[in-house]
C-alpha atoms as a PDB file:
ATOM      1  CA  MET A   1       1.128 -30.051  -5.195  1.00  0.00           C
ATOM      2  CA  THR A   2       2.362 -26.522  -4.477  1.00  0.00           C
ATOM      3  CA  ARG A   3       2.380 -23.931  -7.268  1.00  0.00           C
ATOM      4  CA  ILE A   4       5.439 -21.641  -7.313  1.00  0.00           C
ATOM      5  CA  LEU A   5       4.668 -18.164  -8.642  1.00  0.00           C
ATOM      6  CA  THR A   6       7.630 -15.898  -9.360  1.00  0.00           C
ATOM      7  CA  ARG A   7       7.556 -12.170 -10.030  1.00  0.00           C
ATOM      8  CA  SER A   8       7.223 -12.688 -13.780  1.00  0.00           C
ATOM      9  CA  ASP A   9       4.469 -15.275 -13.229  1.00  0.00           C
ATOM     10  CA  LEU A  10       2.524 -12.843 -11.055  1.00  0.00           C
ATOM     11  CA  GLN A  11       2.975  -9.981 -13.490  1.00  0.00           C
ATOM     12  CA  ALA A  12       1.570 -12.245 -16.207  1.00  0.00           C
ATOM     13  CA  VAL A  13      -1.640 -13.109 -14.325  1.00  0.00           C
ATOM     14  CA  LEU A  14      -2.425 -10.022 -12.212  1.00  0.00           C
ATOM     15  CA  GLU A  15      -4.570  -7.252 -13.729  1.00  0.00           C
ATOM     16  CA  PRO A  16      -5.178  -3.904 -11.994  1.00  0.00           C
ATOM     17  CA  ALA A  17      -8.952  -3.675 -12.524  1.00  0.00           C
ATOM     18  CA  ALA A  18      -9.616  -7.130 -11.044  1.00  0.00           C
ATOM     19  CA  CYS A  19      -7.245  -6.444  -8.154  1.00  0.00           C
ATOM     20  CA  LEU A  20      -8.910  -3.108  -7.388  1.00  0.00           C
ATOM     21  CA  GLU A  21     -12.324  -4.766  -7.318  1.00  0.00           C
ATOM     22  CA  ALA A  22     -11.074  -7.528  -5.007  1.00  0.00           C
ATOM     23  CA  LEU A  23      -9.586  -4.918  -2.663  1.00  0.00           C
ATOM     24  CA  ARG A  24     -12.765  -2.811  -2.722  1.00  0.00           C
ATOM     25  CA  THR A  25     -14.800  -5.893  -1.773  1.00  0.00           C
ATOM     26  CA  GLY A  26     -12.334  -6.823   0.947  1.00  0.00           C
ATOM     27  CA  PHE A  27     -12.527  -3.381   2.555  1.00  0.00           C
ATOM     28  CA  ARG A  28     -16.319  -3.622   2.604  1.00  0.00           C
ATOM     29  CA  GLU A  29     -16.430  -7.128   4.061  1.00  0.00           C
ATOM     30  CA  GLY A  30     -13.463  -6.953   6.422  1.00  0.00           C
ATOM     31  CA  GLY A  31     -10.791  -9.572   6.862  1.00  0.00           C
ATOM     32  CA  GLY A  32     -10.889 -10.458  10.550  1.00  0.00           C
ATOM     33  CA  GLU A  33      -8.181  -9.774  13.090  1.00  0.00           C
ATOM     34  CA  ALA A  34      -5.035  -8.189  11.702  1.00  0.00           C
ATOM     35  CA  ARG A  35      -1.790  -9.408  13.238  1.00  0.00           C
ATOM     36  CA  ARG A  36       1.524  -7.946  12.244  1.00  0.00           C
ATOM     37  CA  VAL A  37       4.787  -9.066  13.856  1.00  0.00           C
ATOM     38  CA  SER A  38       7.994  -7.152  13.204  1.00  0.00           C
ATOM     39  CA  ALA A  39      11.406  -7.800  14.741  1.00  0.00           C
ATOM     40  CA  GLY A  40      14.850  -6.327  14.337  1.00  0.00           C
ATOM     41  CA  LEU A  41      17.723  -8.519  13.223  1.00  0.00           C
ATOM     42  CA  PRO A  42      21.476  -8.629  14.009  1.00  0.00           C
ATOM     43  CA  PHE A  43      21.870  -7.399  10.423  1.00  0.00           C
ATOM     44  CA  PRO A  44      20.789  -4.125   8.754  1.00  0.00           C
ATOM     45  CA  GLY A  45      17.228  -5.344   8.218  1.00  0.00           C
ATOM     46  CA  THR A  46      13.866  -6.254   9.714  1.00  0.00           C
ATOM     47  CA  ALA A  47      11.888  -9.508   9.776  1.00  0.00           C
ATOM     48  CA  THR A  48       8.127  -9.074   9.372  1.00  0.00           C
ATOM     49  CA  ALA A  49       5.196 -11.491   9.323  1.00  0.00           C
ATOM     50  CA  LEU A  50       1.530 -10.798   8.556  1.00  0.00           C
ATOM     51  CA  ILE A  51      -0.952 -13.419   9.746  1.00  0.00           C
ATOM     52  CA  PRO A  52      -3.538 -14.646   9.048  1.00  0.00           C
ATOM     53  CA  GLY A  53      -4.865 -13.364   5.729  1.00  0.00           C
ATOM     54  CA  VAL A  54      -8.525 -14.378   5.702  1.00  0.00           C
ATOM     55  CA  LEU A  55     -11.622 -13.193   3.822  1.00  0.00           C
ATOM     56  CA  PRO A  56     -15.287 -14.202   3.881  1.00  0.00           C
ATOM     57  CA  GLY A  57     -16.066 -16.650   1.091  1.00  0.00           C
ATOM     58  CA  VAL A  58     -12.450 -17.685   0.429  1.00  0.00           C
ATOM     59  CA  GLU A  59     -11.533 -21.173   1.674  1.00  0.00           C
ATOM     60  CA  ALA A  60      -7.858 -20.331   2.022  1.00  0.00           C
ATOM     61  CA  TYR A  61      -5.575 -18.179   4.148  1.00  0.00           C
ATOM     62  CA  THR A  62      -2.149 -16.583   3.811  1.00  0.00           C
ATOM     63  CA  VAL A  63       0.935 -16.262   5.964  1.00  0.00           C
ATOM     64  CA  LYS A  64       3.454 -13.707   4.694  1.00  0.00           C
ATOM     65  CA  VAL A  65       7.074 -13.533   5.803  1.00  0.00           C
ATOM     66  CA  ASN A  66       9.300 -10.697   4.641  1.00  0.00           C
ATOM     67  CA  ALA A  67      12.847  -9.503   5.039  1.00  0.00           C
ATOM     68  CA  LYS A  68      13.180  -5.708   4.776  1.00  0.00           C
ATOM     69  CA  PHE A  69      16.680  -4.491   3.960  1.00  0.00           C
ATOM     70  CA  PRO A  70      16.651  -0.799   2.923  1.00  0.00           C
ATOM     71  CA  GLY A  71      19.971  -1.073   1.094  1.00  0.00           C
ATOM     72  CA  ALA A  72      18.958  -4.052  -1.027  1.00  0.00           C
ATOM     73  CA  ASP A  73      17.260  -4.071  -4.420  1.00  0.00           C
ATOM     74  CA  PRO A  74      14.492  -4.985  -4.016  1.00  0.00           C
ATOM     75  CA  ALA A  75      14.395  -3.834  -0.412  1.00  0.00           C
ATOM     76  CA  LEU A  76      11.635  -6.294   0.462  1.00  0.00           C
ATOM     77  CA  ARG A  77      12.024 -10.019  -0.158  1.00  0.00           C
ATOM     78  CA  GLY A  78      10.064 -13.014   1.017  1.00  0.00           C
ATOM     79  CA  VAL A  79       7.153 -15.321   0.309  1.00  0.00           C
ATOM     80  CA  VAL A  80       3.401 -15.399   0.661  1.00  0.00           C
ATOM     81  CA  CYS A  81       2.275 -18.886   1.675  1.00  0.00           C
ATOM     82  CA  LEU A  82      -1.242 -19.669   0.442  1.00  0.00           C
ATOM     83  CA  HIS A  83      -2.833 -22.499   2.409  1.00  0.00           C
ATOM     84  CA  SER A  84      -6.094 -24.380   1.940  1.00  0.00           C
ATOM     85  CA  GLY A  85      -8.648 -23.532   4.590  1.00  0.00           C
ATOM     86  CA  VAL A  86      -9.966 -27.104   4.392  1.00  0.00           C
ATOM     87  CA  ASP A  87      -6.881 -29.091   5.351  1.00  0.00           C
ATOM     88  CA  GLY A  88      -3.960 -26.631   5.501  1.00  0.00           C
ATOM     89  CA  GLU A  89      -2.389 -27.827   2.244  1.00  0.00           C
ATOM     90  CA  LEU A  90       0.216 -25.409   0.930  1.00  0.00           C
ATOM     91  CA  LEU A  91      -1.429 -24.426  -2.345  1.00  0.00           C
ATOM     92  CA  ALA A  92       1.137 -21.894  -3.508  1.00  0.00           C
ATOM     93  CA  LEU A  93       4.305 -19.985  -2.697  1.00  0.00           C
ATOM     94  CA  LEU A  94       4.222 -16.480  -4.201  1.00  0.00           C
ATOM     95  CA  ASP A  95       6.888 -13.783  -4.430  1.00  0.00           C
ATOM     96  CA  SER A  96       5.949 -11.384  -1.631  1.00  0.00           C
ATOM     97  CA  ALA A  97       7.686  -8.344  -3.128  1.00  0.00           C
ATOM     98  CA  THR A  98       5.286  -8.436  -6.079  1.00  0.00           C
ATOM     99  CA  ILE A  99       2.156  -9.236  -4.056  1.00  0.00           C
ATOM    100  CA  THR A 100       3.025  -6.536  -1.515  1.00  0.00           C
ATOM    101  CA  ALA A 101       3.715  -3.869  -4.131  1.00  0.00           C
ATOM    102  CA  TRP A 102       0.471  -4.630  -5.968  1.00  0.00           C
ATOM    103  CA  ARG A 103      -1.822  -4.863  -2.957  1.00  0.00           C
ATOM    104  CA  THR A 104      -0.253  -1.881  -1.179  1.00  0.00           C
ATOM    105  CA  GLY A 105      -0.043   0.363  -4.212  1.00  0.00           C
ATOM    106  CA  LEU A 106      -3.512  -0.461  -5.539  1.00  0.00           C
ATOM    107  CA  ALA A 107      -5.185  -0.221  -2.111  1.00  0.00           C
ATOM    108  CA  ALA A 108      -3.516   3.170  -1.726  1.00  0.00           C
ATOM    109  CA  ALA A 109      -4.777   4.204  -5.159  1.00  0.00           C
ATOM    110  CA  LEU A 110      -8.305   3.207  -4.128  1.00  0.00           C
ATOM    111  CA  GLY A 111      -8.101   5.214  -0.890  1.00  0.00           C
ATOM    112  CA  THR A 112      -6.616   8.172  -2.746  1.00  0.00           C
ATOM    113  CA  HIS A 113      -9.381   8.169  -5.334  1.00  0.00           C
ATOM    114  CA  LEU A 114     -12.104   8.003  -2.674  1.00  0.00           C
ATOM    115  CA  LEU A 115     -10.677  10.893  -0.629  1.00  0.00           C
ATOM    116  CA  ALA A 116      -9.148  13.278  -3.161  1.00  0.00           C
ATOM    117  CA  PRO A 117     -11.385  15.979  -4.673  1.00  0.00           C
ATOM    118  CA  ALA A 118     -13.028  14.912  -7.919  1.00  0.00           C
ATOM    119  CA  GLY A 119     -11.165  17.527  -9.958  1.00  0.00           C
ATOM    120  CA  ALA A 120      -7.704  16.842  -8.468  1.00  0.00           C
ATOM    121  CA  ALA A 121      -5.651  15.919 -11.537  1.00  0.00           C
ATOM    122  CA  THR A 122      -2.060  16.920 -10.744  1.00  0.00           C
ATOM    123  CA  VAL A 123      -0.346  14.079  -8.921  1.00  0.00           C
ATOM    124  CA  GLY A 124       2.915  14.313  -7.011  1.00  0.00           C
ATOM    125  CA  VAL A 125       5.059  11.305  -6.097  1.00  0.00           C
ATOM    126  CA  VAL A 126       7.627  11.271  -3.296  1.00  0.00           C
ATOM    127  CA  GLY A 127       9.714   8.119  -3.489  1.00  0.00           C
ATOM    128  CA  ALA A 128       9.924   6.564  -6.958  1.00  0.00           C
ATOM    129  CA  GLY A 129       9.906   2.892  -5.971  1.00  0.00           C
ATOM    130  CA  ALA A 130       7.749  -0.151  -6.692  1.00  0.00           C
ATOM    131  CA  GLN A 131       4.804   0.965  -4.559  1.00  0.00           C
ATOM    132  CA  ALA A 132       4.704   4.354  -6.261  1.00  0.00           C
ATOM    133  CA  GLU A 133       4.599   2.587  -9.635  1.00  0.00           C
ATOM    134  CA  LEU A 134       1.475   0.660  -8.615  1.00  0.00           C
ATOM    135  CA  MET A 135      -0.147   3.692  -6.963  1.00  0.00           C
ATOM    136  CA  VAL A 136       0.134   5.693 -10.167  1.00  0.00           C
ATOM    137  CA  ARG A 137      -0.936   2.753 -12.310  1.00  0.00           C
ATOM    138  CA  GLY A 138      -3.952   2.102 -10.075  1.00  0.00           C
ATOM    139  CA  LEU A 139      -4.912   5.757  -9.827  1.00  0.00           C
ATOM    140  CA  ARG A 140      -4.841   6.080 -13.617  1.00  0.00           C
ATOM    141  CA  ALA A 141      -7.339   3.205 -13.774  1.00  0.00           C
ATOM    142  CA  LEU A 142      -9.658   5.187 -11.484  1.00  0.00           C
ATOM    143  CA  ARG A 143      -9.316   8.835 -12.569  1.00  0.00           C
ATOM    144  CA  ARG A 144      -7.669  11.139 -15.078  1.00  0.00           C
ATOM    145  CA  ILE A 145      -4.146  12.361 -14.293  1.00  0.00           C
ATOM    146  CA  GLU A 146      -3.266  15.489 -16.258  1.00  0.00           C
ATOM    147  CA  GLU A 147       0.181  16.164 -14.826  1.00  0.00           C
ATOM    148  CA  LEU A 148       2.686  14.228 -12.713  1.00  0.00           C
ATOM    149  CA  VAL A 149       5.691  15.434 -10.732  1.00  0.00           C
ATOM    150  CA  VAL A 150       8.121  13.255  -8.786  1.00  0.00           C
ATOM    151  CA  CYS A 151      11.105  13.403  -6.457  1.00  0.00           C
ATOM    152  CA  ASP A 152      13.384  10.755  -4.957  1.00  0.00           C
ATOM    153  CA  THR A 153      16.602  10.645  -2.946  1.00  0.00           C
ATOM    154  CA  ASP A 154      18.118   9.292  -6.169  1.00  0.00           C
ATOM    155  CA  PRO A 155      17.606  11.992  -8.842  1.00  0.00           C
ATOM    156  CA  ALA A 156      18.247   9.505 -11.661  1.00  0.00           C
ATOM    157  CA  ARG A 157      15.488   7.227 -10.391  1.00  0.00           C
ATOM    158  CA  ALA A 158      13.105  10.185 -10.168  1.00  0.00           C
ATOM    159  CA  ALA A 159      13.965  11.215 -13.723  1.00  0.00           C
ATOM    160  CA  ALA A 160      13.393   7.672 -15.011  1.00  0.00           C
ATOM    161  CA  PHE A 161      10.048   7.495 -13.185  1.00  0.00           C
ATOM    162  CA  GLY A 162       9.039  10.775 -14.781  1.00  0.00           C
ATOM    163  CA  VAL A 163       9.910   9.472 -18.240  1.00  0.00           C
ATOM    164  CA  ARG A 164       7.913   6.260 -17.709  1.00  0.00           C
ATOM    165  CA  HIS A 165       4.831   8.110 -16.511  1.00  0.00           C
ATOM    166  CA  GLY A 166       4.952  11.239 -18.626  1.00  0.00           C
ATOM    167  CA  GLY A 167       5.965  13.526 -15.761  1.00  0.00           C
ATOM    168  CA  ARG A 168       8.839  15.689 -14.610  1.00  0.00           C
ATOM    169  CA  ALA A 169      11.277  15.419 -11.722  1.00  0.00           C
ATOM    170  CA  LEU A 170      11.538  17.974  -8.916  1.00  0.00           C
ATOM    171  CA  ALA A 171      14.135  18.384  -6.194  1.00  0.00           C
ATOM    172  CA  SER A 172      12.206  17.842  -2.936  1.00  0.00           C
ATOM    173  CA  ALA A 173       9.006  16.712  -1.252  1.00  0.00           C
ATOM    174  CA  ARG A 174       8.135  20.362  -0.564  1.00  0.00           C
ATOM    175  CA  GLU A 175       8.394  21.217  -4.248  1.00  0.00           C
ATOM    176  CA  VAL A 176       6.198  18.247  -5.110  1.00  0.00           C
ATOM    177  CA  ALA A 177       3.583  19.291  -2.538  1.00  0.00           C
ATOM    178  CA  ALA A 178       3.606  22.841  -3.866  1.00  0.00           C
ATOM    179  CA  ALA A 179       2.902  21.632  -7.413  1.00  0.00           C
ATOM    180  CA  ALA A 180       0.405  18.803  -6.843  1.00  0.00           C
ATOM    181  CA  ASP A 181      -3.263  18.424  -5.901  1.00  0.00           C
ATOM    182  CA  VAL A 182      -2.618  14.844  -4.735  1.00  0.00           C
ATOM    183  CA  VAL A 183       0.658  13.753  -3.091  1.00  0.00           C
ATOM    184  CA  LEU A 184       1.665  10.077  -2.876  1.00  0.00           C
ATOM    185  CA  LEU A 185       4.504   9.264  -0.470  1.00  0.00           C
ATOM    186  CA  ALA A 186       6.272   5.899  -0.310  1.00  0.00           C
ATOM    187  CA  THR A 187       9.675   6.324   1.324  1.00  0.00           C
ATOM    188  CA  TRP A 188      11.902   5.018   4.122  1.00  0.00           C
ATOM    189  CA  ALA A 189      11.819   8.416   5.902  1.00  0.00           C
ATOM    190  CA  ARG A 190      12.299   8.538   9.670  1.00  0.00           C
ATOM    191  CA  GLU A 191      11.771  12.301   9.935  1.00  0.00           C
ATOM    192  CA  PRO A 192       8.717  14.170   8.575  1.00  0.00           C
ATOM    193  CA  LEU A 193       9.025  15.155   4.945  1.00  0.00           C
ATOM    194  CA  LEU A 194       5.990  17.473   5.020  1.00  0.00           C
ATOM    195  CA  HIS A 195       4.460  19.750   7.667  1.00  0.00           C
ATOM    196  CA  LEU A 196       1.145  21.591   7.637  1.00  0.00           C
ATOM    197  CA  ASP A 197       2.597  24.750   6.126  1.00  0.00           C
ATOM    198  CA  ASP A 198       3.994  22.699   3.205  1.00  0.00           C
ATOM    199  CA  THR A 199       0.438  21.865   2.112  1.00  0.00           C
ATOM    200  CA  ARG A 200      -2.670  23.794   1.121  1.00  0.00           C
ATOM    201  CA  PRO A 201      -6.451  23.552   1.693  1.00  0.00           C
ATOM    202  CA  GLY A 202      -8.224  20.886  -0.355  1.00  0.00           C
ATOM    203  CA  GLN A 203      -5.077  18.861  -0.918  1.00  0.00           C
ATOM    204  CA  HIS A 204      -4.970  15.096  -0.424  1.00  0.00           C
ATOM    205  CA  LEU A 205      -1.939  13.096   0.717  1.00  0.00           C
ATOM    206  CA  THR A 206      -1.447   9.329   0.882  1.00  0.00           C
ATOM    207  CA  SER A 207       1.415   8.129   3.080  1.00  0.00           C
ATOM    208  CA  LEU A 208       2.687   4.554   2.734  1.00  0.00           C
ATOM    209  CA  GLY A 209       6.095   4.936   4.356  1.00  0.00           C
ATOM    210  CA  ALA A 210       5.034   4.795   8.027  1.00  0.00           C
ATOM    211  CA  ASP A 211       4.413   1.057   8.006  1.00  0.00           C
ATOM    212  CA  GLU A 212       6.546   0.083  11.011  1.00  0.00           C
ATOM    213  CA  PRO A 213       7.853   1.748  14.194  1.00  0.00           C
ATOM    214  CA  GLY A 214      10.301   4.586  13.666  1.00  0.00           C
ATOM    215  CA  LYS A 215       9.214   5.550  10.148  1.00  0.00           C
ATOM    216  CA  GLN A 216       7.441   8.869   9.563  1.00  0.00           C
ATOM    217  CA  GLU A 217       6.583  10.913   6.478  1.00  0.00           C
ATOM    218  CA  LEU A 218       4.010  13.457   7.759  1.00  0.00           C
ATOM    219  CA  ALA A 219       4.382  15.715  10.783  1.00  0.00           C
ATOM    220  CA  ARG A 220       1.931  15.751  13.675  1.00  0.00           C
ATOM    221  CA  ASP A 221       0.770  19.328  12.978  1.00  0.00           C
ATOM    222  CA  LEU A 222      -0.398  18.117   9.566  1.00  0.00           C
ATOM    223  CA  LEU A 223      -2.095  14.957  10.845  1.00  0.00           C
ATOM    224  CA  ASP A 224      -3.854  16.986  13.556  1.00  0.00           C
ATOM    225  CA  SER A 225      -5.434  19.247  10.918  1.00  0.00           C
ATOM    226  CA  VAL A 226      -6.776  16.841   8.306  1.00  0.00           C
ATOM    227  CA  LEU A 227      -9.514  14.321   7.640  1.00  0.00           C
ATOM    228  CA  LEU A 228      -7.361  11.361   8.691  1.00  0.00           C
ATOM    229  CA  VAL A 229      -8.217   7.912   7.355  1.00  0.00           C
ATOM    230  CA  VAL A 230      -6.365   4.652   8.071  1.00  0.00           C
ATOM    231  CA  ASP A 231      -6.931   0.982   7.245  1.00  0.00           C
ATOM    232  CA  ASP A 232      -6.785  -0.252  10.872  1.00  0.00           C
ATOM    233  CA  ARG A 233      -6.822   2.115  13.857  1.00  0.00           C
ATOM    234  CA  GLN A 234      -4.975  -0.161  16.268  1.00  0.00           C
ATOM    235  CA  LEU A 235      -2.193  -1.073  13.868  1.00  0.00           C
ATOM    236  CA  ALA A 236      -1.799   2.564  12.804  1.00  0.00           C
ATOM    237  CA  ALA A 237      -1.433   3.533  16.485  1.00  0.00           C
ATOM    238  CA  THR A 238       1.112   0.831  17.297  1.00  0.00           C
ATOM    239  CA  GLY A 239       3.310   0.849  14.221  1.00  0.00           C
ATOM    240  CA  GLY A 240       1.957   3.265  11.637  1.00  0.00           C
ATOM    241  CA  ALA A 241       1.465   6.977  11.025  1.00  0.00           C
ATOM    242  CA  LEU A 242      -0.446   7.544  14.274  1.00  0.00           C
ATOM    243  CA  ALA A 243       2.311   5.926  16.337  1.00  0.00           C
ATOM    244  CA  ALA A 244       5.019   7.930  14.589  1.00  0.00           C
ATOM    245  CA  ALA A 245       3.222  11.173  15.477  1.00  0.00           C
ATOM    246  CA  GLY A 246       2.352  10.094  19.037  1.00  0.00           C
ATOM    247  CA  LEU A 247      -1.383   9.952  18.303  1.00  0.00           C
ATOM    248  CA  PRO A 248      -3.928   7.475  19.756  1.00  0.00           C
ATOM    249  CA  PRO A 249      -6.205   5.203  17.681  1.00  0.00           C
ATOM    250  CA  GLU A 250      -9.161   7.579  18.052  1.00  0.00           C
ATOM    251  CA  ALA A 251      -7.205  10.320  16.261  1.00  0.00           C
ATOM    252  CA  ALA A 252      -8.195   8.632  12.992  1.00  0.00           C
ATOM    253  CA  ASP A 253     -11.498  10.005  11.723  1.00  0.00           C
ATOM    254  CA  ALA A 254     -12.360   6.828   9.840  1.00  0.00           C
ATOM    255  CA  THR A 255     -11.090   3.647   8.261  1.00  0.00           C
ATOM    256  CA  LEU A 256     -11.316   3.106   4.525  1.00  0.00           C
ATOM    257  CA  GLY A 257     -13.685   0.220   5.185  1.00  0.00           C
ATOM    258  CA  GLU A 258     -16.057   2.539   7.069  1.00  0.00           C
ATOM    259  CA  ILE A 259     -16.098   4.939   4.131  1.00  0.00           C
ATOM    260  CA  LEU A 260     -16.752   2.169   1.604  1.00  0.00           C
ATOM    261  CA  CYS A 261     -19.546   0.765   3.781  1.00  0.00           C
ATOM    262  CA  GLY A 262     -21.156   4.200   4.197  1.00  0.00           C
ATOM    263  CA  ALA A 263     -20.521   4.355   7.958  1.00  0.00           C
ATOM    264  CA  HIS A 264     -18.491   7.553   7.418  1.00  0.00           C
ATOM    265  CA  PRO A 265     -19.152  10.106   4.654  1.00  0.00           C
ATOM    266  CA  GLY A 266     -15.499  10.704   3.821  1.00  0.00           C
ATOM    267  CA  ARG A 267     -14.597  14.095   2.388  1.00  0.00           C
ATOM    268  CA  THR A 268     -17.531  16.532   2.694  1.00  0.00           C
ATOM    269  CA  ASP A 269     -15.607  19.824   2.695  1.00  0.00           C
ATOM    270  CA  GLY A 270     -13.775  20.627  -0.510  1.00  0.00           C
ATOM    271  CA  ARG A 271     -11.280  22.847   1.316  1.00  0.00           C
ATOM    272  CA  ARG A 272     -10.335  20.419   4.038  1.00  0.00           C
ATOM    273  CA  ARG A 273      -7.061  18.550   3.665  1.00  0.00           C
ATOM    274  CA  SER A 274      -7.225  14.761   3.772  1.00  0.00           C
ATOM    275  CA  VAL A 275      -4.679  12.026   4.487  1.00  0.00           C
ATOM    276  CA  TYR A 276      -4.859   8.297   3.898  1.00  0.00           C
ATOM    277  CA  ALA A 277      -2.205   6.526   5.976  1.00  0.00           C
ATOM    278  CA  PRO A 278      -2.531   2.730   5.736  1.00  0.00           C
ATOM    279  CA  VAL A 279      -0.281   0.137   7.329  1.00  0.00           C
ATOM    280  CA  GLY A 280      -1.279  -2.829   5.154  1.00  0.00           C
ATOM    281  CA  LEU A 281      -3.499  -5.729   6.236  1.00  0.00           C
ATOM    282  CA  PRO A 282      -3.065  -9.505   5.923  1.00  0.00           C
ATOM    283  CA  TRP A 283      -6.364  -9.997   4.085  1.00  0.00           C
ATOM    284  CA  GLN A 284      -5.028  -7.857   1.234  1.00  0.00           C
ATOM    285  CA  ASP A 285      -2.303 -10.465   0.655  1.00  0.00           C
ATOM    286  CA  LEU A 286      -4.982 -13.151   0.435  1.00  0.00           C
ATOM    287  CA  ALA A 287      -7.179 -11.116  -1.922  1.00  0.00           C
ATOM    288  CA  LEU A 288      -4.426 -10.841  -4.526  1.00  0.00           C
ATOM    289  CA  ALA A 289      -2.769 -14.200  -3.840  1.00  0.00           C
ATOM    290  CA  TRP A 290      -6.088 -15.970  -4.402  1.00  0.00           C
ATOM    291  CA  LEU A 291      -6.713 -14.061  -7.649  1.00  0.00           C
ATOM    292  CA  ALA A 292      -3.217 -14.937  -8.853  1.00  0.00           C
ATOM    293  CA  TYR A 293      -3.466 -18.595  -7.806  1.00  0.00           C
ATOM    294  CA  GLU A 294      -6.785 -19.148  -9.586  1.00  0.00           C
ATOM    295  CA  ALA A 295      -5.616 -17.371 -12.743  1.00  0.00           C
ATOM    296  CA  ALA A 296      -2.313 -19.265 -12.740  1.00  0.00           C
ATOM    297  CA  ALA A 297      -4.081 -22.610 -12.257  1.00  0.00           C
ATOM    298  CA  ARG A 298      -6.414 -21.861 -15.185  1.00  0.00           C
ATOM    299  CA  GLY A 299      -3.561 -20.826 -17.445  1.00  0.00           C
ATOM    300  CA  GLY A 300      -0.954 -23.344 -16.342  1.00  0.00           C
ATOM    301  CA  VAL A 301       1.364 -20.560 -15.157  1.00  0.00           C
ATOM    302  CA  GLY A 302       4.125 -21.366 -12.674  1.00  0.00           C
ATOM    303  CA  ALA A 303       5.911 -24.545 -11.684  1.00  0.00           C
ATOM    304  CA  GLU A 304       4.369 -27.230  -9.479  1.00  0.00           C
ATOM    305  CA  VAL A 305       6.377 -29.098  -6.852  1.00  0.00           C
ATOM    306  CA  ASP A 306       5.590 -31.774  -4.310  1.00  0.00           C
ATOM    307  CA  LEU A 307       7.138 -30.475  -1.087  1.00  0.00           C
ATOM    308  CA  LEU A 308       6.092 -33.641   0.725  1.00  0.00           C
ATOM    309  CA  GLY A 309       7.605 -35.941  -1.880  1.00  0.00           C
END
């Protein structure tokens, strides 16, 4: 039998603290080779697949297929297929928009918390979408946020985000960067939103938007001047923030896994700027899909179907 888990099902069984711990463990242990395939379509969208999602100790794997259509709501739609590692049985089909928002936003919150100065308590958000929601939610589970500012290409969406999170809306990414100690970017930008002179010493920035070729949120002069951390050097250099700025894999100072394992010390200079620029890895889909599947099976959440019947 295959368990079908919709957005509402996933929201009922996922819990930020457990997800953050699963992601922290996954970064320490590593999830094997990361393969990401992205192709343009004869429509205004992109087809993307992430394979295979594997983790030590989990007898299952994921294959994720997404359609990305910037003008749609939600802009990302698809499924995460959770298969048994014993015989390939399709254990579950999960809404990928929800899994992706949770794993991306919470992994970004974890990286932000590890790299931002301990006293950084004013958070700025650029792009008030689903991933920003989970970044803020995850970051609040990890540290105190005293003030929040936000901007979006849609002023009404920025204002609504500010109301939900007890913050205020600003007009531009530059204004957000000027006001915040920590800046979280999750946009569809294809031109840099921030340059070096838009930031200040000691500031931390997390950039989620450069997750495929052609997208860029941070300029090269900024990336050249910071402690630069990614989730996977090769992927970041072929389709992430490094590629967008024309930088090679070795331009990244560390991966988040290296910092969590103690192979790199992370931030050691309180005045140095830092950037976390992940692309997103297949094992992260498995980490959250497995949590959701086990919780749903225990609680009887979701419908079951026999696809072979």
